[in-house]
Amino acid sequence: MTSTTPEIEALAADIGEQIAIDVAKWNLFLAEAHLHIPLVERVYPLLEKDELNRAGVEGALKDLSVAIGGGKVNISLLDALSSTMVNRLLTLLEEYQSKNF
């Protein structure tokens, strides 16, 4: 993905507002963590190629690193999200794909 379009920005906004990292029972939404756009940049090719599946999304989440403690520790976004949030992300992506492709 080389450029952003209104559709991609809308998907990133939806993900950013609905998907959150669980930190000590506190929700840090991906938009607040500035992770929604990098995530969409990784998963959008799956949508374009009609290759959306759990393994692909989890691979994208695993490849996206989240710095914690000012960069002292890095974990994958997959490890930072609850199973519920991963399922919600998959649902959002499936709904987006069915409406736009």
PDB file of N, CA and C in Angstrom:
ATOM      1  N   MET A   1       0.851  -1.169   0.000  1.00  0.00           N
ATOM      2  CA  MET A   1       0.000   0.000   0.000  1.00  0.00           C
ATOM      3  C   MET A   1       0.894   1.228   0.000  1.00  0.00           C
ATOM      4  N   THR A   2       0.809   2.025  -1.029  1.00  0.00           N
ATOM      5  CA  THR A   2       1.690   3.170  -1.138  1.00  0.00           C
ATOM      6  C   THR A   2       1.005   4.481  -0.813  1.00  0.00           C
ATOM      7  N   SER A   3      -0.287   4.543  -0.888  1.00  0.00           N
ATOM      8  CA  SER A   3      -0.981   5.785  -0.587  1.00  0.00           C
ATOM      9  C   SER A   3      -2.205   5.486   0.260  1.00  0.00           C
ATOM     10  N   THR A   4      -2.661   6.516   0.950  1.00  0.00           N
ATOM     11  CA  THR A   4      -3.870   6.335   1.743  1.00  0.00           C
ATOM     12  C   THR A   4      -5.052   6.870   0.960  1.00  0.00           C
ATOM     13  N   THR A   5      -6.158   6.206   1.094  1.00  0.00           N
ATOM     14  CA  THR A   5      -7.395   6.622   0.458  1.00  0.00           C
ATOM     15  C   THR A   5      -8.428   6.814   1.554  1.00  0.00           C
ATOM     16  N   PRO A   6      -9.519   7.476   1.235  1.00  0.00           N
ATOM     17  CA  PRO A   6     -10.563   7.630   2.252  1.00  0.00           C
ATOM     18  C   PRO A   6     -11.055   6.295   2.814  1.00  0.00           C
ATOM     19  N   GLU A   7     -11.126   5.263   1.956  1.00  0.00           N
ATOM     20  CA  GLU A   7     -11.589   3.960   2.422  1.00  0.00           C
ATOM     21  C   GLU A   7     -10.610   3.350   3.418  1.00  0.00           C
ATOM     22  N   ILE A   8      -9.325   3.441   3.098  1.00  0.00           N
ATOM     23  CA  ILE A   8      -8.303   2.901   3.993  1.00  0.00           C
ATOM     24  C   ILE A   8      -8.278   3.684   5.297  1.00  0.00           C
ATOM     25  N   GLU A   9      -8.393   5.000   5.190  1.00  0.00           N
ATOM     26  CA  GLU A   9      -8.414   5.833   6.391  1.00  0.00           C
ATOM     27  C   GLU A   9      -9.627   5.512   7.255  1.00  0.00           C
ATOM     28  N   ALA A  10     -10.767   5.244   6.618  1.00  0.00           N
ATOM     29  CA  ALA A  10     -11.973   4.895   7.373  1.00  0.00           C
ATOM     30  C   ALA A  10     -11.792   3.562   8.092  1.00  0.00           C
ATOM     31  N   LEU A  11     -11.186   2.592   7.416  1.00  0.00           N
ATOM     32  CA  LEU A  11     -10.918   1.302   8.053  1.00  0.00           C
ATOM     33  C   LEU A  11      -9.966   1.482   9.228  1.00  0.00           C
ATOM     34  N   ALA A  12      -8.913   2.260   9.036  1.00  0.00           N
ATOM     35  CA  ALA A  12      -7.962   2.505  10.120  1.00  0.00           C
ATOM     36  C   ALA A  12      -8.651   3.188  11.297  1.00  0.00           C
ATOM     37  N   ALA A  13      -9.540   4.130  11.016  1.00  0.00           N
ATOM     38  CA  ALA A  13     -10.262   4.815  12.091  1.00  0.00           C
ATOM     39  C   ALA A  13     -11.153   3.842  12.857  1.00  0.00           C
ATOM     40  N   ASP A  14     -11.873   2.979  12.138  1.00  0.00           N
ATOM     41  CA  ASP A  14     -12.726   1.986  12.802  1.00  0.00           C
ATOM     42  C   ASP A  14     -11.903   1.064  13.691  1.00  0.00           C
ATOM     43  N   ILE A  15     -10.808   0.570  13.148  1.00  0.00           N
ATOM     44  CA  ILE A  15      -9.946  -0.316  13.929  1.00  0.00           C
ATOM     45  C   ILE A  15      -9.382   0.429  15.130  1.00  0.00           C
ATOM     46  N   GLY A  16      -8.933   1.647  14.904  1.00  0.00           N
ATOM     47  CA  GLY A  16      -8.344   2.436  15.982  1.00  0.00           C
ATOM     48  C   GLY A  16      -9.290   2.729  17.122  1.00  0.00           C
ATOM     49  N   GLU A  17     -10.581   2.849  16.800  1.00  0.00           N
ATOM     50  CA  GLU A  17     -11.584   3.163  17.815  1.00  0.00           C
ATOM     51  C   GLU A  17     -12.174   1.930  18.483  1.00  0.00           C
ATOM     52  N   GLN A  18     -12.042   0.752  17.860  1.00  0.00           N
ATOM     53  CA  GLN A  18     -12.708  -0.437  18.388  1.00  0.00           C
ATOM     54  C   GLN A  18     -11.777  -1.518  18.920  1.00  0.00           C
ATOM     55  N   ILE A  19     -10.510  -1.456  18.553  1.00  0.00           N
ATOM     56  CA  ILE A  19      -9.560  -2.484  18.974  1.00  0.00           C
ATOM     57  C   ILE A  19      -8.613  -1.871  19.994  1.00  0.00           C
ATOM     58  N   ALA A  20      -8.455  -2.561  21.121  1.00  0.00           N
ATOM     59  CA  ALA A  20      -7.659  -2.012  22.217  1.00  0.00           C
ATOM     60  C   ALA A  20      -6.719  -3.047  22.804  1.00  0.00           C
ATOM     61  N   ILE A  21      -5.589  -2.544  23.263  1.00  0.00           N
ATOM     62  CA  ILE A  21      -4.636  -3.340  24.025  1.00  0.00           C
ATOM     63  C   ILE A  21      -5.108  -3.308  25.472  1.00  0.00           C
ATOM     64  N   ASP A  22      -5.075  -4.445  26.134  1.00  0.00           N
ATOM     65  CA  ASP A  22      -5.455  -4.523  27.546  1.00  0.00           C
ATOM     66  C   ASP A  22      -4.203  -4.318  28.391  1.00  0.00           C
ATOM     67  N   VAL A  23      -4.169  -3.204  29.111  1.00  0.00           N
ATOM     68  CA  VAL A  23      -3.034  -2.886  29.980  1.00  0.00           C
ATOM     69  C   VAL A  23      -3.577  -2.747  31.401  1.00  0.00           C
ATOM     70  N   ALA A  24      -3.303  -3.740  32.232  1.00  0.00           N
ATOM     71  CA  ALA A  24      -3.748  -3.716  33.629  1.00  0.00           C
ATOM     72  C   ALA A  24      -5.234  -3.375  33.743  1.00  0.00           C
ATOM     73  N   LYS A  25      -6.046  -4.068  32.928  1.00  0.00           N
ATOM     74  CA  LYS A  25      -7.499  -3.888  32.901  1.00  0.00           C
ATOM     75  C   LYS A  25      -7.917  -2.495  32.422  1.00  0.00           C
ATOM     76  N   TRP A  26      -7.042  -1.849  31.681  1.00  0.00           N
ATOM     77  CA  TRP A  26      -7.312  -0.550  31.086  1.00  0.00           C
ATOM     78  C   TRP A  26      -7.168  -0.701  29.586  1.00  0.00           C
ATOM     79  N   ASN A  27      -8.102  -0.152  28.817  1.00  0.00           N
ATOM     80  CA  ASN A  27      -8.065  -0.283  27.364  1.00  0.00           C
ATOM     81  C   ASN A  27      -7.308   0.870  26.728  1.00  0.00           C
ATOM     82  N   LEU A  28      -6.246   0.543  26.024  1.00  0.00           N
ATOM     83  CA  LEU A  28      -5.505   1.511  25.226  1.00  0.00           C
ATOM     84  C   LEU A  28      -5.863   1.227  23.771  1.00  0.00           C
ATOM     85  N   PHE A  29      -6.714   2.079  23.215  1.00  0.00           N
ATOM     86  CA  PHE A  29      -7.177   1.860  21.850  1.00  0.00           C
ATOM     87  C   PHE A  29      -6.041   2.100  20.864  1.00  0.00           C
ATOM     88  N   LEU A  30      -6.060   1.352  19.774  1.00  0.00           N
ATOM     89  CA  LEU A  30      -4.963   1.413  18.815  1.00  0.00           C
ATOM     90  C   LEU A  30      -4.763   2.805  18.241  1.00  0.00           C
ATOM     91  N   ALA A  31      -5.824   3.587  18.105  1.00  0.00           N
ATOM     92  CA  ALA A  31      -5.665   4.963  17.624  1.00  0.00           C
ATOM     93  C   ALA A  31      -4.839   5.779  18.615  1.00  0.00           C
ATOM     94  N   GLU A  32      -5.111   5.600  19.903  1.00  0.00           N
ATOM     95  CA  GLU A  32      -4.365   6.327  20.933  1.00  0.00           C
ATOM     96  C   GLU A  32      -2.903   5.896  20.968  1.00  0.00           C
ATOM     97  N   ALA A  33      -2.652   4.640  20.645  1.00  0.00           N
ATOM     98  CA  ALA A  33      -1.290   4.103  20.643  1.00  0.00           C
ATOM     99  C   ALA A  33      -0.599   4.319  19.289  1.00  0.00           C
ATOM    100  N   HIS A  34      -1.300   4.931  18.339  1.00  0.00           N
ATOM    101  CA  HIS A  34      -0.772   5.190  16.996  1.00  0.00           C
ATOM    102  C   HIS A  34      -0.358   3.897  16.287  1.00  0.00           C
ATOM    103  N   LEU A  35      -1.150   2.853  16.492  1.00  0.00           N
ATOM    104  CA  LEU A  35      -0.866   1.553  15.877  1.00  0.00           C
ATOM    105  C   LEU A  35      -1.886   1.167  14.809  1.00  0.00           C
ATOM    106  N   HIS A  36      -2.971   1.929  14.694  1.00  0.00           N
ATOM    107  CA  HIS A  36      -4.031   1.560  13.761  1.00  0.00           C
ATOM    108  C   HIS A  36      -3.602   1.669  12.296  1.00  0.00           C
ATOM    109  N   ILE A  37      -2.862   2.692  11.945  1.00  0.00           N
ATOM    110  CA  ILE A  37      -2.430   2.844  10.552  1.00  0.00           C
ATOM    111  C   ILE A  37      -1.371   1.804  10.182  1.00  0.00           C
ATOM    112  N   PRO A  38      -0.331   1.598  11.007  1.00  0.00           N
ATOM    113  CA  PRO A  38       0.619   0.530  10.659  1.00  0.00           C
ATOM    114  C   PRO A  38      -0.047  -0.843  10.538  1.00  0.00           C
ATOM    115  N   LEU A  39      -1.063  -1.093  11.358  1.00  0.00           N
ATOM    116  CA  LEU A  39      -1.766  -2.372  11.267  1.00  0.00           C
ATOM    117  C   LEU A  39      -2.516  -2.485   9.945  1.00  0.00           C
ATOM    118  N   VAL A  40      -3.237  -1.443   9.572  1.00  0.00           N
ATOM    119  CA  VAL A  40      -3.979  -1.478   8.309  1.00  0.00           C
ATOM    120  C   VAL A  40      -3.014  -1.615   7.128  1.00  0.00           C
ATOM    121  N   GLU A  41      -1.862  -0.978   7.207  1.00  0.00           N
ATOM    122  CA  GLU A  41      -0.871  -1.114   6.137  1.00  0.00           C
ATOM    123  C   GLU A  41      -0.430  -2.567   5.968  1.00  0.00           C
ATOM    124  N   ARG A  42      -0.457  -3.331   7.044  1.00  0.00           N
ATOM    125  CA  ARG A  42      -0.057  -4.742   6.973  1.00  0.00           C
ATOM    126  C   ARG A  42      -1.194  -5.667   6.532  1.00  0.00           C
ATOM    127  N   VAL A  43      -2.425  -5.347   6.915  1.00  0.00           N
ATOM    128  CA  VAL A  43      -3.535  -6.259   6.592  1.00  0.00           C
ATOM    129  C   VAL A  43      -4.258  -5.908   5.297  1.00  0.00           C
ATOM    130  N   TYR A  44      -4.143  -4.678   4.830  1.00  0.00           N
ATOM    131  CA  TYR A  44      -4.880  -4.286   3.631  1.00  0.00           C
ATOM    132  C   TYR A  44      -4.543  -5.145   2.412  1.00  0.00           C
ATOM    133  N   PRO A  45      -3.275  -5.522   2.215  1.00  0.00           N
ATOM    134  CA  PRO A  45      -2.982  -6.413   1.080  1.00  0.00           C
ATOM    135  C   PRO A  45      -3.745  -7.741   1.144  1.00  0.00           C
ATOM    136  N   LEU A  46      -4.024  -8.238   2.338  1.00  0.00           N
ATOM    137  CA  LEU A  46      -4.820  -9.464   2.469  1.00  0.00           C
ATOM    138  C   LEU A  46      -6.232  -9.248   1.940  1.00  0.00           C
ATOM    139  N   LEU A  47      -6.778  -8.064   2.195  1.00  0.00           N
ATOM    140  CA  LEU A  47      -8.113  -7.737   1.707  1.00  0.00           C
ATOM    141  C   LEU A  47      -8.107  -7.610   0.185  1.00  0.00           C
ATOM    142  N   GLU A  48      -7.110  -6.900  -0.334  1.00  0.00           N
ATOM    143  CA  GLU A  48      -7.026  -6.681  -1.783  1.00  0.00           C
ATOM    144  C   GLU A  48      -6.874  -7.986  -2.556  1.00  0.00           C
ATOM    145  N   LYS A  49      -6.116  -8.911  -2.001  1.00  0.00           N
ATOM    146  CA  LYS A  49      -5.843 -10.182  -2.680  1.00  0.00           C
ATOM    147  C   LYS A  49      -6.872 -11.258  -2.346  1.00  0.00           C
ATOM    148  N   ASP A  50      -7.899 -10.900  -1.560  1.00  0.00           N
ATOM    149  CA  ASP A  50      -8.917 -11.852  -1.110  1.00  0.00           C
ATOM    150  C   ASP A  50      -8.272 -13.030  -0.383  1.00  0.00           C
ATOM    151  N   GLU A  51      -7.291 -12.706   0.472  1.00  0.00           N
ATOM    152  CA  GLU A  51      -6.580 -13.722   1.245  1.00  0.00           C
ATOM    153  C   GLU A  51      -6.752 -13.513   2.750  1.00  0.00           C
ATOM    154  N   LEU A  52      -7.840 -12.865   3.131  1.00  0.00           N
ATOM    155  CA  LEU A  52      -8.080 -12.609   4.547  1.00  0.00           C
ATOM    156  C   LEU A  52      -8.369 -13.918   5.270  1.00  0.00           C
ATOM    157  N   ASN A  53      -7.572 -14.196   6.290  1.00  0.00           N
ATOM    158  CA  ASN A  53      -7.795 -15.352   7.145  1.00  0.00           C
ATOM    159  C   ASN A  53      -7.109 -15.105   8.485  1.00  0.00           C
ATOM    160  N   ARG A  54      -7.445 -15.916   9.472  1.00  0.00           N
ATOM    161  CA  ARG A  54      -6.914 -15.737  10.820  1.00  0.00           C
ATOM    162  C   ARG A  54      -5.383 -15.793  10.831  1.00  0.00           C
ATOM    163  N   ALA A  55      -4.817 -16.747  10.124  1.00  0.00           N
ATOM    164  CA  ALA A  55      -3.358 -16.901  10.132  1.00  0.00           C
ATOM    165  C   ALA A  55      -2.672 -15.660   9.567  1.00  0.00           C
ATOM    166  N   GLY A  56      -3.217 -15.105   8.502  1.00  0.00           N
ATOM    167  CA  GLY A  56      -2.633 -13.905   7.907  1.00  0.00           C
ATOM    168  C   GLY A  56      -2.717 -12.703   8.820  1.00  0.00           C
ATOM    169  N   VAL A  57      -3.871 -12.528   9.459  1.00  0.00           N
ATOM    170  CA  VAL A  57      -4.049 -11.407  10.381  1.00  0.00           C
ATOM    171  C   VAL A  57      -3.148 -11.583  11.597  1.00  0.00           C
ATOM    172  N   GLU A  58      -3.106 -12.792  12.137  1.00  0.00           N
ATOM    173  CA  GLU A  58      -2.233 -13.026  13.290  1.00  0.00           C
ATOM    174  C   GLU A  58      -0.766 -12.833  12.916  1.00  0.00           C
ATOM    175  N   GLY A  59      -0.395 -13.182  11.703  1.00  0.00           N
ATOM    176  CA  GLY A  59       0.970 -12.938  11.244  1.00  0.00           C
ATOM    177  C   GLY A  59       1.284 -11.454  11.189  1.00  0.00           C
ATOM    178  N   ALA A  60       0.329 -10.664  10.698  1.00  0.00           N
ATOM    179  CA  ALA A  60       0.516  -9.212  10.656  1.00  0.00           C
ATOM    180  C   ALA A  60       0.627  -8.641  12.068  1.00  0.00           C
ATOM    181  N   LEU A  61      -0.212  -9.137  12.979  1.00  0.00           N
ATOM    182  CA  LEU A  61      -0.158  -8.683  14.370  1.00  0.00           C
ATOM    183  C   LEU A  61       1.165  -9.069  15.022  1.00  0.00           C
ATOM    184  N   LYS A  62       1.648 -10.242  14.695  1.00  0.00           N
ATOM    185  CA  LYS A  62       2.909 -10.711  15.273  1.00  0.00           C
ATOM    186  C   LYS A  62       4.090  -9.881  14.771  1.00  0.00           C
ATOM    187  N   ASP A  63       4.021  -9.448  13.524  1.00  0.00           N
ATOM    188  CA  ASP A  63       5.108  -8.670  12.929  1.00  0.00           C
ATOM    189  C   ASP A  63       5.143  -7.217  13.393  1.00  0.00           C
ATOM    190  N   LEU A  64       4.054  -6.743  13.983  1.00  0.00           N
ATOM    191  CA  LEU A  64       3.990  -5.352  14.437  1.00  0.00           C
ATOM    192  C   LEU A  64       4.443  -5.282  15.887  1.00  0.00           C
ATOM    193  N   SER A  65       5.519  -4.575  16.128  1.00  0.00           N
ATOM    194  CA  SER A  65       6.122  -4.501  17.456  1.00  0.00           C
ATOM    195  C   SER A  65       5.560  -3.325  18.246  1.00  0.00           C
ATOM    196  N   VAL A  66       5.315  -3.555  19.531  1.00  0.00           N
ATOM    197  CA  VAL A  66       4.819  -2.525  20.439  1.00  0.00           C
ATOM    198  C   VAL A  66       5.904  -2.261  21.475  1.00  0.00           C
ATOM    199  N   ALA A  67       6.386  -1.022  21.503  1.00  0.00           N
ATOM    200  CA  ALA A  67       7.421  -0.647  22.468  1.00  0.00           C
ATOM    201  C   ALA A  67       6.766  -0.302  23.798  1.00  0.00           C
ATOM    202  N   ILE A  68       7.316  -0.850  24.862  1.00  0.00           N
ATOM    203  CA  ILE A  68       6.793  -0.616  26.210  1.00  0.00           C
ATOM    204  C   ILE A  68       7.939  -0.104  27.084  1.00  0.00           C
ATOM    205  N   GLY A  69       7.599   0.782  27.999  1.00  0.00           N
ATOM    206  CA  GLY A  69       8.617   1.303  28.908  1.00  0.00           C
ATOM    207  C   GLY A  69       9.659   2.140  28.196  1.00  0.00           C
ATOM    208  N   GLY A  70       9.193   2.966  27.267  1.00  0.00           N
ATOM    209  CA  GLY A  70      10.126   3.811  26.543  1.00  0.00           C
ATOM    210  C   GLY A  70      11.065   3.034  25.644  1.00  0.00           C
ATOM    211  N   GLY A  71      10.628   1.871  25.209  1.00  0.00           N
ATOM    212  CA  GLY A  71      11.429   1.062  24.306  1.00  0.00           C
ATOM    213  C   GLY A  71      12.305   0.033  24.991  1.00  0.00           C
ATOM    214  N   LYS A  72      12.198  -0.062  26.320  1.00  0.00           N
ATOM    215  CA  LYS A  72      12.993  -1.064  27.044  1.00  0.00           C
ATOM    216  C   LYS A  72      12.591  -2.479  26.658  1.00  0.00           C
ATOM    217  N   VAL A  73      11.292  -2.653  26.394  1.00  0.00           N
ATOM    218  CA  VAL A  73      10.751  -3.966  26.051  1.00  0.00           C
ATOM    219  C   VAL A  73       9.881  -3.809  24.809  1.00  0.00           C
ATOM    220  N   ASN A  74       9.963  -4.769  23.919  1.00  0.00           N
ATOM    221  CA  ASN A  74       9.100  -4.807  22.742  1.00  0.00           C
ATOM    222  C   ASN A  74       8.354  -6.131  22.731  1.00  0.00           C
ATOM    223  N   ILE A  75       7.050  -6.050  22.481  1.00  0.00           N
ATOM    224  CA  ILE A  75       6.242  -7.253  22.322  1.00  0.00           C
ATOM    225  C   ILE A  75       5.450  -7.115  21.035  1.00  0.00           C
ATOM    226  N   SER A  76       5.000  -8.227  20.523  1.00  0.00           N
ATOM    227  CA  SER A  76       4.190  -8.163  19.305  1.00  0.00           C
ATOM    228  C   SER A  76       2.791  -7.672  19.657  1.00  0.00           C
ATOM    229  N   LEU A  77       2.164  -7.037  18.692  1.00  0.00           N
ATOM    230  CA  LEU A  77       0.788  -6.599  18.904  1.00  0.00           C
ATOM    231  C   LEU A  77      -0.113  -7.799  19.153  1.00  0.00           C
ATOM    232  N   LEU A  78       0.193  -8.934  18.553  1.00  0.00           N
ATOM    233  CA  LEU A  78      -0.582 -10.151  18.805  1.00  0.00           C
ATOM    234  C   LEU A  78      -0.559 -10.497  20.290  1.00  0.00           C
ATOM    235  N   ASP A  79       0.597 -10.387  20.929  1.00  0.00           N
ATOM    236  CA  ASP A  79       0.705 -10.691  22.357  1.00  0.00           C
ATOM    237  C   ASP A  79       0.026  -9.640  23.229  1.00  0.00           C
ATOM    238  N   ALA A  80      -0.125  -8.431  22.705  1.00  0.00           N
ATOM    239  CA  ALA A  80      -0.723  -7.348  23.484  1.00  0.00           C
ATOM    240  C   ALA A  80      -2.252  -7.333  23.416  1.00  0.00           C
ATOM    241  N   LEU A  81      -2.822  -8.030  22.434  1.00  0.00           N
ATOM    242  CA  LEU A  81      -4.278  -8.052  22.272  1.00  0.00           C
ATOM    243  C   LEU A  81      -4.874  -9.309  22.889  1.00  0.00           C
ATOM    244  N   SER A  82      -6.035  -9.149  23.502  1.00  0.00           N
ATOM    245  CA  SER A  82      -6.760 -10.316  24.003  1.00  0.00           C
ATOM    246  C   SER A  82      -7.340 -11.090  22.820  1.00  0.00           C
ATOM    247  N   SER A  83      -7.701 -12.330  23.062  1.00  0.00           N
ATOM    248  CA  SER A  83      -8.346 -13.143  22.019  1.00  0.00           C
ATOM    249  C   SER A  83      -9.634 -12.491  21.542  1.00  0.00           C
ATOM    250  N   THR A  84     -10.348 -11.863  22.457  1.00  0.00           N
ATOM    251  CA  THR A  84     -11.584 -11.170  22.097  1.00  0.00           C
ATOM    252  C   THR A  84     -11.308 -10.058  21.098  1.00  0.00           C
ATOM    253  N   MET A  85     -10.238  -9.304  21.317  1.00  0.00           N
ATOM    254  CA  MET A  85      -9.897  -8.209  20.408  1.00  0.00           C
ATOM    255  C   MET A  85      -9.435  -8.735  19.050  1.00  0.00           C
ATOM    256  N   VAL A  86      -8.701  -9.830  19.033  1.00  0.00           N
ATOM    257  CA  VAL A  86      -8.283 -10.422  17.758  1.00  0.00           C
ATOM    258  C   VAL A  86      -9.523 -10.870  16.984  1.00  0.00           C
ATOM    259  N   ASN A  87     -10.469 -11.490  17.670  1.00  0.00           N
ATOM    260  CA  ASN A  87     -11.716 -11.913  17.018  1.00  0.00           C
ATOM    261  C   ASN A  87     -12.500 -10.715  16.500  1.00  0.00           C
ATOM    262  N   ARG A  88     -12.554  -9.652  17.284  1.00  0.00           N
ATOM    263  CA  ARG A  88     -13.263  -8.442  16.855  1.00  0.00           C
ATOM    264  C   ARG A  88     -12.580  -7.849  15.621  1.00  0.00           C
ATOM    265  N   LEU A  89     -11.247  -7.826  15.622  1.00  0.00           N
ATOM    266  CA  LEU A  89     -10.505  -7.322  14.464  1.00  0.00           C
ATOM    267  C   LEU A  89     -10.835  -8.140  13.220  1.00  0.00           C
ATOM    268  N   LEU A  90     -10.838  -9.450  13.346  1.00  0.00           N
ATOM    269  CA  LEU A  90     -11.184 -10.309  12.207  1.00  0.00           C
ATOM    270  C   LEU A  90     -12.585 -10.003  11.695  1.00  0.00           C
ATOM    271  N   THR A  91     -13.518  -9.813  12.601  1.00  0.00           N
ATOM    272  CA  THR A  91     -14.888  -9.487  12.209  1.00  0.00           C
ATOM    273  C   THR A  91     -14.944  -8.154  11.474  1.00  0.00           C
ATOM    274  N   LEU A  92     -14.255  -7.141  11.995  1.00  0.00           N
ATOM    275  CA  LEU A  92     -14.221  -5.835  11.330  1.00  0.00           C
ATOM    276  C   LEU A  92     -13.650  -5.949   9.920  1.00  0.00           C
ATOM    277  N   LEU A  93     -12.573  -6.694   9.788  1.00  0.00           N
ATOM    278  CA  LEU A  93     -11.943  -6.859   8.478  1.00  0.00           C
ATOM    279  C   LEU A  93     -12.839  -7.631   7.518  1.00  0.00           C
ATOM    280  N   GLU A  94     -13.506  -8.673   8.011  1.00  0.00           N
ATOM    281  CA  GLU A  94     -14.427  -9.441   7.164  1.00  0.00           C
ATOM    282  C   GLU A  94     -15.585  -8.569   6.694  1.00  0.00           C
ATOM    283  N   GLU A  95     -16.128  -7.752   7.595  1.00  0.00           N
ATOM    284  CA  GLU A  95     -17.225  -6.858   7.224  1.00  0.00           C
ATOM    285  C   GLU A  95     -16.765  -5.828   6.201  1.00  0.00           C
ATOM    286  N   TYR A  96     -15.580  -5.275   6.417  1.00  0.00           N
ATOM    287  CA  TYR A  96     -15.037  -4.298   5.476  1.00  0.00           C
ATOM    288  C   TYR A  96     -14.849  -4.936   4.105  1.00  0.00           C
ATOM    289  N   GLN A  97     -14.289  -6.133   4.085  1.00  0.00           N
ATOM    290  CA  GLN A  97     -14.040  -6.814   2.817  1.00  0.00           C
ATOM    291  C   GLN A  97     -15.346  -7.103   2.078  1.00  0.00           C
ATOM    292  N   SER A  98     -16.362  -7.542   2.798  1.00  0.00           N
ATOM    293  CA  SER A  98     -17.634  -7.868   2.140  1.00  0.00           C
ATOM    294  C   SER A  98     -18.312  -6.627   1.551  1.00  0.00           C
ATOM    295  N   LYS A  99     -18.084  -5.467   2.144  1.00  0.00           N
ATOM    296  CA  LYS A  99     -18.699  -4.231   1.652  1.00  0.00           C
ATOM    297  C   LYS A  99     -17.888  -3.553   0.552  1.00  0.00           C
ATOM    298  N   ASN A 100     -16.590  -3.795   0.512  1.00  0.00           N
ATOM    299  CA  ASN A 100     -15.723  -3.002  -0.360  1.00  0.00           C
ATOM    300  C   ASN A 100     -15.014  -3.776  -1.463  1.00  0.00           C
ATOM    301  N   PHE A 101     -15.098  -5.096  -1.442  1.00  0.00           N
ATOM    302  CA  PHE A 101     -14.378  -5.868  -2.468  1.00  0.00           C
ATOM    303  C   PHE A 101     -15.301  -6.859  -3.146  1.00  0.00           C
TER     304      PHE A 101
END
